[in-house]
Amino acid sequence: MKDIDSLKAKFTNSDWKTLLKVTNELVLIGDDDVVSFFIGKLASKSSDIRNAAALGLRDIGDERAVSD
């Protein structure tokens, strides 16, 4: 398994194609740390990062990503 910290670094510094690949790798890990990371990225100024984080959260299916 790839180091989660290196995946997080790639997530924030990648083109769209790489961003989607890294998102999928993080989804496969899918632990609480990844969910929290994706939730934090929903506030990013970059629409690509926000969209990739939303896709990751959708694929993980964690209810914490949905606010009332």
N, C-alpha and C. Protein backbone atom coordinates (compact mmCIF):
# COMPACT_ATOMS: atom_id res chain seq x y z
N MET A 1 0.84 -1.18 0.00
CA MET A 1 0.00 0.00 0.00
C MET A 1 0.88 1.24 0.00
N LYS A 2 0.48 2.22 -0.80
CA LYS A 2 1.25 3.45 -0.86
C LYS A 2 1.08 4.23 0.42
N ASP A 3 2.10 5.00 0.72
CA ASP A 3 2.08 5.85 1.89
C ASP A 3 0.96 6.89 1.77
N ILE A 4 0.09 6.95 2.75
CA ILE A 4 -1.06 7.85 2.69
C ILE A 4 -0.63 9.31 2.61
N ASP A 5 0.46 9.67 3.26
CA ASP A 5 0.93 11.06 3.21
C ASP A 5 1.37 11.46 1.81
N SER A 6 2.00 10.55 1.09
CA SER A 6 2.40 10.87 -0.28
C SER A 6 1.17 10.97 -1.19
N LEU A 7 0.16 10.15 -0.93
CA LEU A 7 -1.08 10.26 -1.70
C LEU A 7 -1.77 11.59 -1.44
N LYS A 8 -1.79 12.02 -0.19
CA LYS A 8 -2.39 13.31 0.15
C LYS A 8 -1.64 14.45 -0.54
N ALA A 9 -0.33 14.37 -0.58
CA ALA A 9 0.47 15.41 -1.25
C ALA A 9 0.16 15.43 -2.75
N LYS A 10 0.06 14.26 -3.35
CA LYS A 10 -0.27 14.18 -4.77
C LYS A 10 -1.68 14.71 -5.03
N PHE A 11 -2.59 14.47 -4.09
CA PHE A 11 -3.97 14.91 -4.24
C PHE A 11 -4.04 16.43 -4.41
N THR A 12 -3.26 17.14 -3.67
CA THR A 12 -3.33 18.60 -3.70
C THR A 12 -2.44 19.22 -4.76
N ASN A 13 -1.63 18.43 -5.43
CA ASN A 13 -0.68 18.97 -6.41
C ASN A 13 -0.71 18.20 -7.72
N SER A 14 -1.90 17.94 -8.24
CA SER A 14 -1.99 17.09 -9.43
C SER A 14 -2.93 17.68 -10.47
N ASP A 15 -2.73 17.23 -11.70
CA ASP A 15 -3.69 17.54 -12.75
C ASP A 15 -4.92 16.65 -12.53
N TRP A 16 -6.00 16.92 -13.26
CA TRP A 16 -7.28 16.22 -13.04
C TRP A 16 -7.15 14.71 -13.18
N LYS A 17 -6.46 14.24 -14.20
CA LYS A 17 -6.33 12.80 -14.42
C LYS A 17 -5.62 12.12 -13.25
N THR A 18 -4.53 12.71 -12.81
CA THR A 18 -3.79 12.16 -11.66
C THR A 18 -4.61 12.29 -10.39
N LEU A 19 -5.31 13.40 -10.26
CA LEU A 19 -6.15 13.63 -9.10
C LEU A 19 -7.20 12.53 -8.95
N LEU A 20 -7.83 12.15 -10.04
CA LEU A 20 -8.82 11.07 -9.98
C LEU A 20 -8.18 9.73 -9.61
N LYS A 21 -7.00 9.47 -10.13
CA LYS A 21 -6.30 8.22 -9.78
C LYS A 21 -5.96 8.19 -8.30
N VAL A 22 -5.44 9.30 -7.79
CA VAL A 22 -5.09 9.37 -6.37
C VAL A 22 -6.35 9.27 -5.51
N THR A 23 -7.44 9.92 -5.95
CA THR A 23 -8.71 9.82 -5.22
C THR A 23 -9.13 8.36 -5.11
N ASN A 24 -9.05 7.63 -6.18
CA ASN A 24 -9.42 6.21 -6.15
C ASN A 24 -8.54 5.41 -5.20
N GLU A 25 -7.25 5.72 -5.18
CA GLU A 25 -6.35 5.01 -4.25
C GLU A 25 -6.70 5.33 -2.81
N LEU A 26 -7.04 6.60 -2.52
CA LEU A 26 -7.44 6.96 -1.17
C LEU A 26 -8.77 6.31 -0.79
N VAL A 27 -9.69 6.21 -1.74
CA VAL A 27 -10.98 5.55 -1.49
C VAL A 27 -10.75 4.10 -1.09
N LEU A 28 -9.81 3.44 -1.72
CA LEU A 28 -9.53 2.04 -1.37
C LEU A 28 -9.05 1.91 0.07
N ILE A 29 -8.34 2.92 0.56
CA ILE A 29 -7.91 2.92 1.97
C ILE A 29 -9.14 3.19 2.83
N GLY A 30 -9.87 4.26 2.51
CA GLY A 30 -11.17 4.55 3.07
C GLY A 30 -11.31 4.63 4.57
N ASP A 31 -10.24 4.87 5.30
CA ASP A 31 -10.34 4.93 6.76
C ASP A 31 -10.79 6.32 7.21
N ASP A 32 -10.91 6.51 8.52
CA ASP A 32 -11.37 7.78 9.08
C ASP A 32 -10.47 8.94 8.67
N ASP A 33 -9.18 8.69 8.58
CA ASP A 33 -8.23 9.73 8.19
C ASP A 33 -8.51 10.22 6.77
N VAL A 34 -8.81 9.30 5.88
CA VAL A 34 -9.11 9.65 4.49
C VAL A 34 -10.43 10.42 4.42
N VAL A 35 -11.43 9.99 5.15
CA VAL A 35 -12.72 10.69 5.15
C VAL A 35 -12.53 12.12 5.66
N SER A 36 -11.81 12.28 6.75
CA SER A 36 -11.55 13.62 7.29
C SER A 36 -10.76 14.47 6.31
N PHE A 37 -9.81 13.86 5.62
CA PHE A 37 -9.02 14.57 4.62
C PHE A 37 -9.92 15.08 3.50
N PHE A 38 -10.78 14.21 2.97
CA PHE A 38 -11.70 14.61 1.90
C PHE A 38 -12.66 15.71 2.37
N ILE A 39 -13.19 15.58 3.57
CA ILE A 39 -14.11 16.59 4.10
C ILE A 39 -13.40 17.94 4.17
N GLY A 40 -12.16 17.94 4.63
CA GLY A 40 -11.39 19.18 4.70
C GLY A 40 -11.15 19.81 3.34
N LYS A 41 -11.02 18.98 2.31
CA LYS A 41 -10.75 19.48 0.96
C LYS A 41 -11.99 20.04 0.27
N LEU A 42 -13.17 19.84 0.85
CA LEU A 42 -14.38 20.41 0.27
C LEU A 42 -14.38 21.94 0.33
N ALA A 43 -13.52 22.51 1.17
CA ALA A 43 -13.41 23.97 1.29
C ALA A 43 -12.29 24.54 0.43
N SER A 44 -11.66 23.72 -0.38
CA SER A 44 -10.54 24.17 -1.21
C SER A 44 -10.99 25.24 -2.20
N LYS A 45 -10.05 26.13 -2.55
CA LYS A 45 -10.32 27.14 -3.58
C LYS A 45 -10.36 26.51 -4.97
N SER A 46 -9.74 25.34 -5.11
CA SER A 46 -9.69 24.65 -6.40
C SER A 46 -10.94 23.81 -6.62
N SER A 47 -11.64 24.09 -7.71
CA SER A 47 -12.84 23.29 -8.01
C SER A 47 -12.49 21.84 -8.30
N ASP A 48 -11.33 21.58 -8.91
CA ASP A 48 -10.92 20.19 -9.16
C ASP A 48 -10.74 19.43 -7.86
N ILE A 49 -10.11 20.07 -6.88
CA ILE A 49 -9.89 19.40 -5.59
C ILE A 49 -11.22 19.19 -4.87
N ARG A 50 -12.08 20.20 -4.88
CA ARG A 50 -13.41 20.04 -4.26
C ARG A 50 -14.19 18.91 -4.92
N ASN A 51 -14.18 18.87 -6.24
CA ASN A 51 -14.92 17.84 -6.96
C ASN A 51 -14.36 16.44 -6.69
N ALA A 52 -13.05 16.32 -6.69
CA ALA A 52 -12.43 15.02 -6.42
C ALA A 52 -12.73 14.56 -5.00
N ALA A 53 -12.69 15.49 -4.04
CA ALA A 53 -13.02 15.14 -2.66
C ALA A 53 -14.47 14.67 -2.55
N ALA A 54 -15.37 15.37 -3.24
CA ALA A 54 -16.78 14.97 -3.21
C ALA A 54 -16.97 13.59 -3.83
N LEU A 55 -16.28 13.33 -4.93
CA LEU A 55 -16.37 12.00 -5.54
C LEU A 55 -15.83 10.93 -4.60
N GLY A 56 -14.72 11.23 -3.93
CA GLY A 56 -14.15 10.28 -2.99
C GLY A 56 -15.11 9.97 -1.85
N LEU A 57 -15.73 11.02 -1.31
CA LEU A 57 -16.69 10.82 -0.22
C LEU A 57 -17.90 10.03 -0.70
N ARG A 58 -18.35 10.33 -1.91
CA ARG A 58 -19.47 9.57 -2.48
C ARG A 58 -19.13 8.08 -2.57
N ASP A 59 -17.93 7.81 -3.06
CA ASP A 59 -17.53 6.41 -3.25
C ASP A 59 -17.33 5.68 -1.93
N ILE A 60 -16.84 6.39 -0.92
CA ILE A 60 -16.68 5.77 0.41
C ILE A 60 -18.05 5.59 1.04
N GLY A 61 -18.93 6.57 0.85
CA GLY A 61 -20.29 6.46 1.39
C GLY A 61 -20.40 6.74 2.87
N ASP A 62 -19.53 7.57 3.41
CA ASP A 62 -19.55 7.89 4.83
C ASP A 62 -20.56 9.00 5.10
N GLU A 63 -21.47 8.78 6.02
CA GLU A 63 -22.54 9.74 6.33
C GLU A 63 -22.03 11.04 6.92
N ARG A 64 -20.82 11.07 7.47
CA ARG A 64 -20.29 12.30 8.06
C ARG A 64 -20.10 13.40 7.03
N ALA A 65 -20.07 13.03 5.77
CA ALA A 65 -19.87 14.01 4.71
C ALA A 65 -21.14 14.80 4.39
N VAL A 66 -22.27 14.37 4.96
CA VAL A 66 -23.54 15.03 4.67
C VAL A 66 -23.98 15.80 5.90
N SER A 67 -24.19 17.10 5.73
CA SER A 67 -24.66 17.89 6.86
C SER A 67 -26.17 18.07 6.77
N ASP A 68 -26.79 18.22 7.91
CA ASP A 68 -28.26 18.37 7.96
C ASP A 68 -28.68 19.74 7.53
